[in-house]
C-alpha atoms as a PDB file:
ATOM      1  CA  UNK A   1      -8.938  -7.209  -7.011  1.00  0.00           C
ATOM      2  CA  UNK A   2      -8.068  -8.625 -10.059  1.00  0.00           C
ATOM      3  CA  UNK A   3      -8.892  -5.902 -12.773  1.00  0.00           C
ATOM      4  CA  UNK A   4      -7.326  -3.771 -10.462  1.00  0.00           C
ATOM      5  CA  UNK A   5      -4.302  -5.538 -10.981  1.00  0.00           C
ATOM      6  CA  UNK A   6      -5.088  -5.814 -14.583  1.00  0.00           C
ATOM      7  CA  UNK A   7      -6.002  -1.958 -15.027  1.00  0.00           C
ATOM      8  CA  UNK A   8      -1.999  -0.870 -13.538  1.00  0.00           C
ATOM      9  CA  UNK A   9      -0.423  -3.675 -15.936  1.00  0.00           C
ATOM     10  CA  UNK A  10      -0.879  -6.889 -13.728  1.00  0.00           C
ATOM     11  CA  UNK A  11       1.323  -5.679 -11.229  1.00  0.00           C
ATOM     12  CA  UNK A  12      -0.134  -3.203  -8.143  1.00  0.00           C
ATOM     13  CA  UNK A  13       0.135   1.224  -9.099  1.00  0.00           C
ATOM     14  CA  UNK A  14       3.768   2.689  -8.419  1.00  0.00           C
ATOM     15  CA  UNK A  15       4.618   5.451  -5.774  1.00  0.00           C
ATOM     16  CA  UNK A  16       4.476   8.507  -6.572  1.00  0.00           C
ATOM     17  CA  UNK A  17       7.654  10.398  -6.634  1.00  0.00           C
ATOM     18  CA  UNK A  18       7.295  13.249  -3.840  1.00  0.00           C
ATOM     19  CA  UNK A  19       7.762  14.076  -0.406  1.00  0.00           C
ATOM     20  CA  UNK A  20       4.958  12.118   0.755  1.00  0.00           C
ATOM     21  CA  UNK A  21       5.841   8.260  -0.670  1.00  0.00           C
ATOM     22  CA  UNK A  22       9.227   8.274   1.129  1.00  0.00           C
ATOM     23  CA  UNK A  23      10.843   5.078   0.835  1.00  0.00           C
ATOM     24  CA  UNK A  24      12.271   5.890   4.280  1.00  0.00           C
ATOM     25  CA  UNK A  25       8.660   5.070   6.047  1.00  0.00           C
ATOM     26  CA  UNK A  26       6.993   2.657   8.027  1.00  0.00           C
ATOM     27  CA  UNK A  27       3.835   1.103   6.765  1.00  0.00           C
ATOM     28  CA  UNK A  28       2.139   2.853   9.600  1.00  0.00           C
ATOM     29  CA  UNK A  29       2.937   6.461   7.676  1.00  0.00           C
ATOM     30  CA  UNK A  30       1.579   4.755   4.682  1.00  0.00           C
ATOM     31  CA  UNK A  31      -2.011   4.269   6.420  1.00  0.00           C
ATOM     32  CA  UNK A  32      -2.362   7.681   7.960  1.00  0.00           C
ATOM     33  CA  UNK A  33      -3.428   8.607   4.350  1.00  0.00           C
ATOM     34  CA  UNK A  34      -4.227   5.082   2.542  1.00  0.00           C
ATOM     35  CA  UNK A  35      -5.659   3.473   6.046  1.00  0.00           C
ATOM     36  CA  UNK A  36      -9.470   2.653   5.562  1.00  0.00           C
ATOM     37  CA  UNK A  37      -9.975   6.156   7.491  1.00  0.00           C
ATOM     38  CA  UNK A  38      -7.402   8.242   5.868  1.00  0.00           C
ATOM     39  CA  UNK A  39      -7.917  11.147   2.894  1.00  0.00           C
ATOM     40  CA  UNK A  40      -7.213   8.776  -0.019  1.00  0.00           C
ATOM     41  CA  UNK A  41      -7.919   5.322   1.454  1.00  0.00           C
ATOM     42  CA  UNK A  42      -7.266   1.936  -0.439  1.00  0.00           C
ATOM     43  CA  UNK A  43      -9.963   0.541  -2.512  1.00  0.00           C
ATOM     44  CA  UNK A  44     -12.341  -2.382  -0.303  1.00  0.00           C
ATOM     45  CA  UNK A  45     -10.537  -4.757  -2.920  1.00  0.00           C
ATOM     46  CA  UNK A  46      -7.372  -3.995  -2.105  1.00  0.00           C
ATOM     47  CA  UNK A  47      -5.255  -7.010  -0.809  1.00  0.00           C
ATOM     48  CA  UNK A  48      -5.548  -8.110   3.173  1.00  0.00           C
ATOM     49  CA  UNK A  49      -1.747  -6.920   3.703  1.00  0.00           C
ATOM     50  CA  UNK A  50      -0.311  -3.943   5.389  1.00  0.00           C
ATOM     51  CA  UNK A  51       3.482  -3.924   3.453  1.00  0.00           C
ATOM     52  CA  UNK A  52       3.409  -1.644   1.315  1.00  0.00           C
ATOM     53  CA  UNK A  53       6.694  -1.644  -0.369  1.00  0.00           C
ATOM     54  CA  UNK A  54       6.736  -5.501  -1.252  1.00  0.00           C
ATOM     55  CA  UNK A  55       4.347  -4.745  -4.193  1.00  0.00           C
ATOM     56  CA  UNK A  56       4.372  -1.452  -4.615  1.00  0.00           C
ATOM     57  CA  UNK A  57       7.666   0.072  -6.507  1.00  0.00           C
ATOM     58  CA  UNK A  58       9.160   3.502  -6.648  1.00  0.00           C
ATOM     59  CA  UNK A  59       8.995   5.602  -9.377  1.00  0.00           C
ATOM     60  CA  UNK A  60      12.040   3.962 -10.912  1.00  0.00           C
ATOM     61  CA  UNK A  61      10.187   0.277 -10.747  1.00  0.00           C
ATOM     62  CA  UNK A  62      11.795  -0.948  -7.851  1.00  0.00           C
ATOM     63  CA  UNK A  63      10.816  -3.174  -5.217  1.00  0.00           C
ATOM     64  CA  UNK A  64      11.599  -2.166  -1.621  1.00  0.00           C
ATOM     65  CA  UNK A  65      10.323  -5.301   0.490  1.00  0.00           C
ATOM     66  CA  UNK A  66      12.083  -5.597   3.596  1.00  0.00           C
ATOM     67  CA  UNK A  67      12.762  -7.948   5.941  1.00  0.00           C
ATOM     68  CA  UNK A  68       9.892  -8.355   8.932  1.00  0.00           C
ATOM     69  CA  UNK A  69       7.738  -5.980   7.732  1.00  0.00           C
ATOM     70  CA  UNK A  70       3.965  -6.377   9.267  1.00  0.00           C
ATOM     71  CA  UNK A  71       1.245  -7.435   7.188  1.00  0.00           C
ATOM     72  CA  UNK A  72      -0.921  -6.638   9.513  1.00  0.00           C
ATOM     73  CA  UNK A  73      -0.863  -2.720  11.415  1.00  0.00           C
ATOM     74  CA  UNK A  74      -3.523  -1.119  12.932  1.00  0.00           C
ATOM     75  CA  UNK A  75      -5.251   0.778  10.851  1.00  0.00           C
ATOM     76  CA  UNK A  76      -4.536  -1.774   7.469  1.00  0.00           C
ATOM     77  CA  UNK A  77      -6.650  -3.932   6.416  1.00  0.00           C
ATOM     78  CA  UNK A  78      -7.554  -6.276   9.367  1.00  0.00           C
ATOM     79  CA  UNK A  79      -9.934  -2.778  10.883  1.00  0.00           C
ATOM     80  CA  UNK A  80     -11.249  -1.756   7.091  1.00  0.00           C
ATOM     81  CA  UNK A  81     -15.115  -2.140   8.401  1.00  0.00           C
ATOM     82  CA  UNK A  82     -15.463  -2.408   4.044  1.00  0.00           C
ATOM     83  CA  UNK A  83     -14.589  -6.211   4.358  1.00  0.00           C
END
């Protein structure tokens, strides 16, 4: 995990500026692709959190944490068998 953050300049990677990474979607939408069984899964050493917008910034470098965002979502870190 430390290596991944160091490689990203000390922070989580930014969200791509495309339709798949809209800020108005929920974490379950993110995990459809980035959950352990998705087509582009997170690395096995990803922090145990599923509140994506609390760490991943938009293309302008801004965070968009949401009050009450879940830290565990079905298909997310708790279900990842690689841990």
